[in-house]
Amino acid sequence: MAYHADSSDLQDKEVLTWEGFGRANRELAQQIVDSGFEPEIIIAVARGGLVPAGALSYSMGVKLSDAINVEFYTDVHETLPDPVLLEPLLDTSAISGKKLLVVDDVADSGRTLDLVLKLLEKHGAEVRSAVIYGKSRSVISPDYVWKHTDEWIVFPWSAEPPVTKM
């Protein structure tokens, strides 16, 4: 099973450390707060958005959170033909009329985020999106982006392979 940092053949990489992530989180939270948007619920796009969404929920004082499971990347630079929603599915009946902040680690192609935003908007929520990194090739432009890059990104939570039994 590959992991996102398993990219030793890639020369140009953006490496985000845990310390860098802490700065990115605070700066992204400040950007959102300064915009005047006050989300009632933070929705993580699992798996990549779980850590950033949790950090933003603390930084912004938003206690309600949930996750939506989407699979798209299968390896470094390898994807399924289209993003796929995975079970368990988000309880969309509970979000109607709510202000939602959808959080992911990166808007790479943007197709995963686009799928999630359209799904949530269809259920009557006011939705905005936040990512740590945005890429120029993304089909959507997230509302809040900490940094733009077109390099492969090594995140601290996926920089090492999964733990196995010793």
C-alpha atoms as a PDB file:
ATOM      1  CA  MET A   1       0.000   0.000   0.000  1.00  0.00           C
ATOM      2  CA  ALA A   2       1.464   3.328  -1.044  1.00  0.00           C
ATOM      3  CA  TYR A   3       1.328   6.459   1.046  1.00  0.00           C
ATOM      4  CA  HIS A   4       1.388  10.030  -0.144  1.00  0.00           C
ATOM      5  CA  ALA A   5       4.983  10.763   0.749  1.00  0.00           C
ATOM      6  CA  ASP A   6       6.173   7.625  -1.033  1.00  0.00           C
ATOM      7  CA  SER A   7       7.525   9.826  -3.785  1.00  0.00           C
ATOM      8  CA  SER A   8      11.303   9.630  -3.647  1.00  0.00           C
ATOM      9  CA  ASP A   9      11.352   9.806  -7.451  1.00  0.00           C
ATOM     10  CA  LEU A  10       9.744  13.241  -7.378  1.00  0.00           C
ATOM     11  CA  GLN A  11      12.280  16.055  -7.359  1.00  0.00           C
ATOM     12  CA  ASP A  12      10.029  19.031  -6.731  1.00  0.00           C
ATOM     13  CA  LYS A  13       8.165  18.569  -3.478  1.00  0.00           C
ATOM     14  CA  GLU A  14       6.512  20.907  -1.040  1.00  0.00           C
ATOM     15  CA  VAL A  15       7.227  19.508   2.438  1.00  0.00           C
ATOM     16  CA  LEU A  16       4.953  20.652   5.247  1.00  0.00           C
ATOM     17  CA  THR A  17       6.291  19.921   8.735  1.00  0.00           C
ATOM     18  CA  TRP A  18       4.173  19.672  11.875  1.00  0.00           C
ATOM     19  CA  GLU A  19       5.470  23.094  12.931  1.00  0.00           C
ATOM     20  CA  GLY A  20       4.631  24.499   9.503  1.00  0.00           C
ATOM     21  CA  PHE A  21       1.178  22.966   9.733  1.00  0.00           C
ATOM     22  CA  GLY A  22       0.630  24.771  13.033  1.00  0.00           C
ATOM     23  CA  ARG A  23       1.429  28.103  11.379  1.00  0.00           C
ATOM     24  CA  ALA A  24      -0.683  27.246   8.315  1.00  0.00           C
ATOM     25  CA  ASN A  25      -3.649  26.342  10.512  1.00  0.00           C
ATOM     26  CA  ARG A  26      -3.546  29.586  12.499  1.00  0.00           C
ATOM     27  CA  GLU A  27      -3.103  31.730   9.380  1.00  0.00           C
ATOM     28  CA  LEU A  28      -5.927  29.923   7.561  1.00  0.00           C
ATOM     29  CA  ALA A  29      -8.203  30.280  10.605  1.00  0.00           C
ATOM     30  CA  GLN A  30      -7.400  34.015  10.770  1.00  0.00           C
ATOM     31  CA  GLN A  31      -8.220  34.384   7.071  1.00  0.00           C
ATOM     32  CA  ILE A  32     -11.632  32.737   7.599  1.00  0.00           C
ATOM     33  CA  VAL A  33     -12.454  34.732  10.745  1.00  0.00           C
ATOM     34  CA  ASP A  34     -11.359  38.008   9.108  1.00  0.00           C
ATOM     35  CA  SER A  35     -13.739  37.304   6.186  1.00  0.00           C
ATOM     36  CA  GLY A  36     -16.695  37.419   8.578  1.00  0.00           C
ATOM     37  CA  PHE A  37     -17.850  33.883   7.753  1.00  0.00           C
ATOM     38  CA  GLU A  38     -18.944  32.054  10.919  1.00  0.00           C
ATOM     39  CA  PRO A  39     -19.457  28.356  10.180  1.00  0.00           C
ATOM     40  CA  GLU A  40     -21.820  26.367  12.383  1.00  0.00           C
ATOM     41  CA  ILE A  41     -20.310  23.036  11.348  1.00  0.00           C
ATOM     42  CA  ILE A  42     -16.887  22.124   9.991  1.00  0.00           C
ATOM     43  CA  ILE A  43     -16.969  19.213   7.546  1.00  0.00           C
ATOM     44  CA  ALA A  44     -13.731  17.328   6.898  1.00  0.00           C
ATOM     45  CA  VAL A  45     -13.144  15.637   3.564  1.00  0.00           C
ATOM     46  CA  ALA A  46     -11.743  12.328   4.785  1.00  0.00           C
ATOM     47  CA  ARG A  47      -9.008  11.371   4.958  1.00  0.00           C
ATOM     48  CA  GLY A  48      -6.782  14.289   3.982  1.00  0.00           C
ATOM     49  CA  GLY A  49      -9.022  16.927   5.521  1.00  0.00           C
ATOM     50  CA  LEU A  50      -9.438  15.262   8.923  1.00  0.00           C
ATOM     51  CA  VAL A  51      -6.374  16.764  10.608  1.00  0.00           C
ATOM     52  CA  PRO A  52      -6.777  20.273   9.108  1.00  0.00           C
ATOM     53  CA  ALA A  53     -10.515  20.321   9.935  1.00  0.00           C
ATOM     54  CA  GLY A  54      -9.882  19.290  13.544  1.00  0.00           C
ATOM     55  CA  ALA A  55      -7.205  21.941  13.930  1.00  0.00           C
ATOM     56  CA  LEU A  56      -9.430  24.640  12.414  1.00  0.00           C
ATOM     57  CA  SER A  57     -12.317  23.664  14.678  1.00  0.00           C
ATOM     58  CA  TYR A  58     -10.123  24.341  17.716  1.00  0.00           C
ATOM     59  CA  SER A  59      -8.568  27.516  16.278  1.00  0.00           C
ATOM     60  CA  MET A  60     -11.963  28.954  15.393  1.00  0.00           C
ATOM     61  CA  GLY A  61     -13.881  27.669  18.422  1.00  0.00           C
ATOM     62  CA  VAL A  62     -16.346  25.687  16.306  1.00  0.00           C
ATOM     63  CA  LYS A  63     -17.460  22.630  18.268  1.00  0.00           C
ATOM     64  CA  LEU A  64     -19.666  20.894  15.699  1.00  0.00           C
ATOM     65  CA  SER A  65     -17.820  18.817  13.145  1.00  0.00           C
ATOM     66  CA  ASP A  66     -18.413  15.898  10.825  1.00  0.00           C
ATOM     67  CA  ALA A  67     -16.724  14.154   7.922  1.00  0.00           C
ATOM     68  CA  ILE A  68     -17.570  13.020   4.448  1.00  0.00           C
ATOM     69  CA  ASN A  69     -15.616  10.090   3.046  1.00  0.00           C
ATOM     70  CA  VAL A  70     -14.359  10.354  -0.520  1.00  0.00           C
ATOM     71  CA  GLU A  71     -11.841   8.205  -2.351  1.00  0.00           C
ATOM     72  CA  PHE A  72      -9.957   9.550  -5.348  1.00  0.00           C
ATOM     73  CA  TYR A  73      -6.186   9.139  -5.023  1.00  0.00           C
ATOM     74  CA  THR A  74      -4.935   5.547  -5.084  1.00  0.00           C
ATOM     75  CA  ASP A  75      -1.185   6.304  -5.215  1.00  0.00           C
ATOM     76  CA  VAL A  76       1.199   9.165  -5.977  1.00  0.00           C
ATOM     77  CA  HIS A  77      -0.250  10.872  -9.081  1.00  0.00           C
ATOM     78  CA  GLU A  78      -2.749   7.985  -9.536  1.00  0.00           C
ATOM     79  CA  THR A  79      -6.483   8.446  -9.178  1.00  0.00           C
ATOM     80  CA  LEU A  80      -9.711   6.636  -9.781  1.00  0.00           C
ATOM     81  CA  PRO A  81     -11.584   7.841 -12.908  1.00  0.00           C
ATOM     82  CA  ASP A  82     -13.854   9.946 -10.655  1.00  0.00           C
ATOM     83  CA  PRO A  83     -14.075  10.705  -6.926  1.00  0.00           C
ATOM     84  CA  VAL A  84     -16.363   8.251  -5.112  1.00  0.00           C
ATOM     85  CA  LEU A  85     -18.401   8.846  -1.941  1.00  0.00           C
ATOM     86  CA  LEU A  86     -17.830   6.092   0.615  1.00  0.00           C
ATOM     87  CA  GLU A  87     -20.034   4.941   3.467  1.00  0.00           C
ATOM     88  CA  PRO A  88     -20.881   5.891   6.093  1.00  0.00           C
ATOM     89  CA  LEU A  89     -22.492   8.859   4.419  1.00  0.00           C
ATOM     90  CA  LEU A  90     -22.885  12.267   6.033  1.00  0.00           C
ATOM     91  CA  ASP A  91     -26.355  12.927   7.504  1.00  0.00           C
ATOM     92  CA  THR A  92     -27.369  15.522   4.940  1.00  0.00           C
ATOM     93  CA  SER A  93     -30.812  16.065   6.501  1.00  0.00           C
ATOM     94  CA  ALA A  94     -29.135  17.746   9.497  1.00  0.00           C
ATOM     95  CA  ILE A  95     -27.318  20.397   7.454  1.00  0.00           C
ATOM     96  CA  SER A  96     -30.168  22.152   5.685  1.00  0.00           C
ATOM     97  CA  GLY A  97     -29.937  25.906   6.262  1.00  0.00           C
ATOM     98  CA  LYS A  98     -26.636  25.616   8.150  1.00  0.00           C
ATOM     99  CA  LYS A  99     -23.378  27.452   7.472  1.00  0.00           C
ATOM    100  CA  LEU A 100     -20.746  24.849   6.630  1.00  0.00           C
ATOM    101  CA  LEU A 101     -16.998  25.057   6.199  1.00  0.00           C
ATOM    102  CA  VAL A 102     -15.695  22.153   4.119  1.00  0.00           C
ATOM    103  CA  VAL A 103     -12.010  21.472   4.792  1.00  0.00           C
ATOM    104  CA  ASP A 104      -9.511  19.428   2.800  1.00  0.00           C
ATOM    105  CA  ASP A 105      -5.738  19.309   2.725  1.00  0.00           C
ATOM    106  CA  VAL A 106      -5.361  20.283  -0.929  1.00  0.00           C
ATOM    107  CA  ALA A 107      -7.409  21.286  -3.962  1.00  0.00           C
ATOM    108  CA  ASP A 108      -5.275  19.376  -6.461  1.00  0.00           C
ATOM    109  CA  SER A 109      -7.569  18.597  -9.376  1.00  0.00           C
ATOM    110  CA  GLY A 110     -10.360  20.082  -7.260  1.00  0.00           C
ATOM    111  CA  ARG A 111     -12.727  17.321  -8.355  1.00  0.00           C
ATOM    112  CA  THR A 112     -13.184  15.855  -4.857  1.00  0.00           C
ATOM    113  CA  LEU A 113     -13.936  19.242  -3.310  1.00  0.00           C
ATOM    114  CA  ASP A 114     -16.257  20.118  -6.201  1.00  0.00           C
ATOM    115  CA  LEU A 115     -18.224  16.884  -5.653  1.00  0.00           C
ATOM    116  CA  VAL A 116     -18.593  17.543  -1.906  1.00  0.00           C
ATOM    117  CA  LEU A 117     -19.550  21.217  -2.283  1.00  0.00           C
ATOM    118  CA  LYS A 118     -22.236  20.458  -4.887  1.00  0.00           C
ATOM    119  CA  LEU A 119     -23.660  17.673  -2.712  1.00  0.00           C
ATOM    120  CA  LEU A 120     -23.899  19.890   0.375  1.00  0.00           C
ATOM    121  CA  GLU A 121     -25.261  22.916  -1.500  1.00  0.00           C
ATOM    122  CA  LYS A 122     -27.942  20.662  -3.017  1.00  0.00           C
ATOM    123  CA  HIS A 123     -29.169  20.031   0.543  1.00  0.00           C
ATOM    124  CA  GLY A 124     -29.715  23.712   1.270  1.00  0.00           C
ATOM    125  CA  ALA A 125     -26.568  24.574   3.195  1.00  0.00           C
ATOM    126  CA  GLU A 126     -24.474  27.712   2.853  1.00  0.00           C
ATOM    127  CA  VAL A 127     -21.085  26.231   2.044  1.00  0.00           C
ATOM    128  CA  ARG A 128     -17.569  27.620   1.879  1.00  0.00           C
ATOM    129  CA  SER A 129     -14.322  25.723   1.440  1.00  0.00           C
ATOM    130  CA  ALA A 130     -10.870  25.910   2.982  1.00  0.00           C
ATOM    131  CA  VAL A 131      -7.675  24.094   2.026  1.00  0.00           C
ATOM    132  CA  ILE A 132      -4.080  24.299   3.109  1.00  0.00           C
ATOM    133  CA  TYR A 133      -2.864  24.162  -0.492  1.00  0.00           C
ATOM    134  CA  GLY A 134      -4.452  25.145  -3.771  1.00  0.00           C
ATOM    135  CA  LYS A 135      -3.116  24.177  -7.180  1.00  0.00           C
ATOM    136  CA  SER A 136      -3.503  26.126 -10.410  1.00  0.00           C
ATOM    137  CA  ARG A 137      -5.031  23.152 -12.225  1.00  0.00           C
ATOM    138  CA  SER A 138      -7.918  22.822  -9.742  1.00  0.00           C
ATOM    139  CA  VAL A 139     -11.370  22.934 -11.358  1.00  0.00           C
ATOM    140  CA  ILE A 140     -12.594  25.058  -8.448  1.00  0.00           C
ATOM    141  CA  SER A 141     -11.129  27.906  -6.489  1.00  0.00           C
ATOM    142  CA  PRO A 142     -11.575  27.304  -2.739  1.00  0.00           C
ATOM    143  CA  ASP A 143     -12.813  30.249  -0.688  1.00  0.00           C
ATOM    144  CA  TYR A 144      -9.821  30.090   1.648  1.00  0.00           C
ATOM    145  CA  VAL A 145      -6.319  28.891   0.723  1.00  0.00           C
ATOM    146  CA  TRP A 146      -3.222  29.089   2.878  1.00  0.00           C
ATOM    147  CA  LYS A 147      -0.698  28.623   0.062  1.00  0.00           C
ATOM    148  CA  HIS A 148      -0.605  27.964  -3.676  1.00  0.00           C
ATOM    149  CA  THR A 149       1.790  25.419  -5.180  1.00  0.00           C
ATOM    150  CA  ASP A 150       1.908  23.084  -8.144  1.00  0.00           C
ATOM    151  CA  GLU A 151       4.422  20.736  -6.535  1.00  0.00           C
ATOM    152  CA  TRP A 152       3.638  17.358  -4.963  1.00  0.00           C
ATOM    153  CA  ILE A 153       2.911  17.964  -1.278  1.00  0.00           C
ATOM    154  CA  VAL A 154       4.257  15.851   1.570  1.00  0.00           C
ATOM    155  CA  PHE A 155       2.001  16.343   4.591  1.00  0.00           C
ATOM    156  CA  PRO A 156       3.309  15.502   8.072  1.00  0.00           C
ATOM    157  CA  TRP A 157       0.497  12.991   8.679  1.00  0.00           C
ATOM    158  CA  SER A 158       1.318  11.029   5.535  1.00  0.00           C
ATOM    159  CA  ALA A 159       5.098  11.472   5.432  1.00  0.00           C
ATOM    160  CA  GLU A 160       5.754   7.940   6.668  1.00  0.00           C
ATOM    161  CA  PRO A 161       4.240   4.587   5.727  1.00  0.00           C
ATOM    162  CA  PRO A 162       1.464   3.135   7.891  1.00  0.00           C
ATOM    163  CA  VAL A 163       2.557   1.384  11.073  1.00  0.00           C
ATOM    164  CA  THR A 164       2.680  -2.386  10.817  1.00  0.00           C
ATOM    165  CA  LYS A 165       2.906  -5.104  13.437  1.00  0.00           C
ATOM    166  CA  MET A 166       6.487  -5.639  14.638  1.00  0.00           C
END
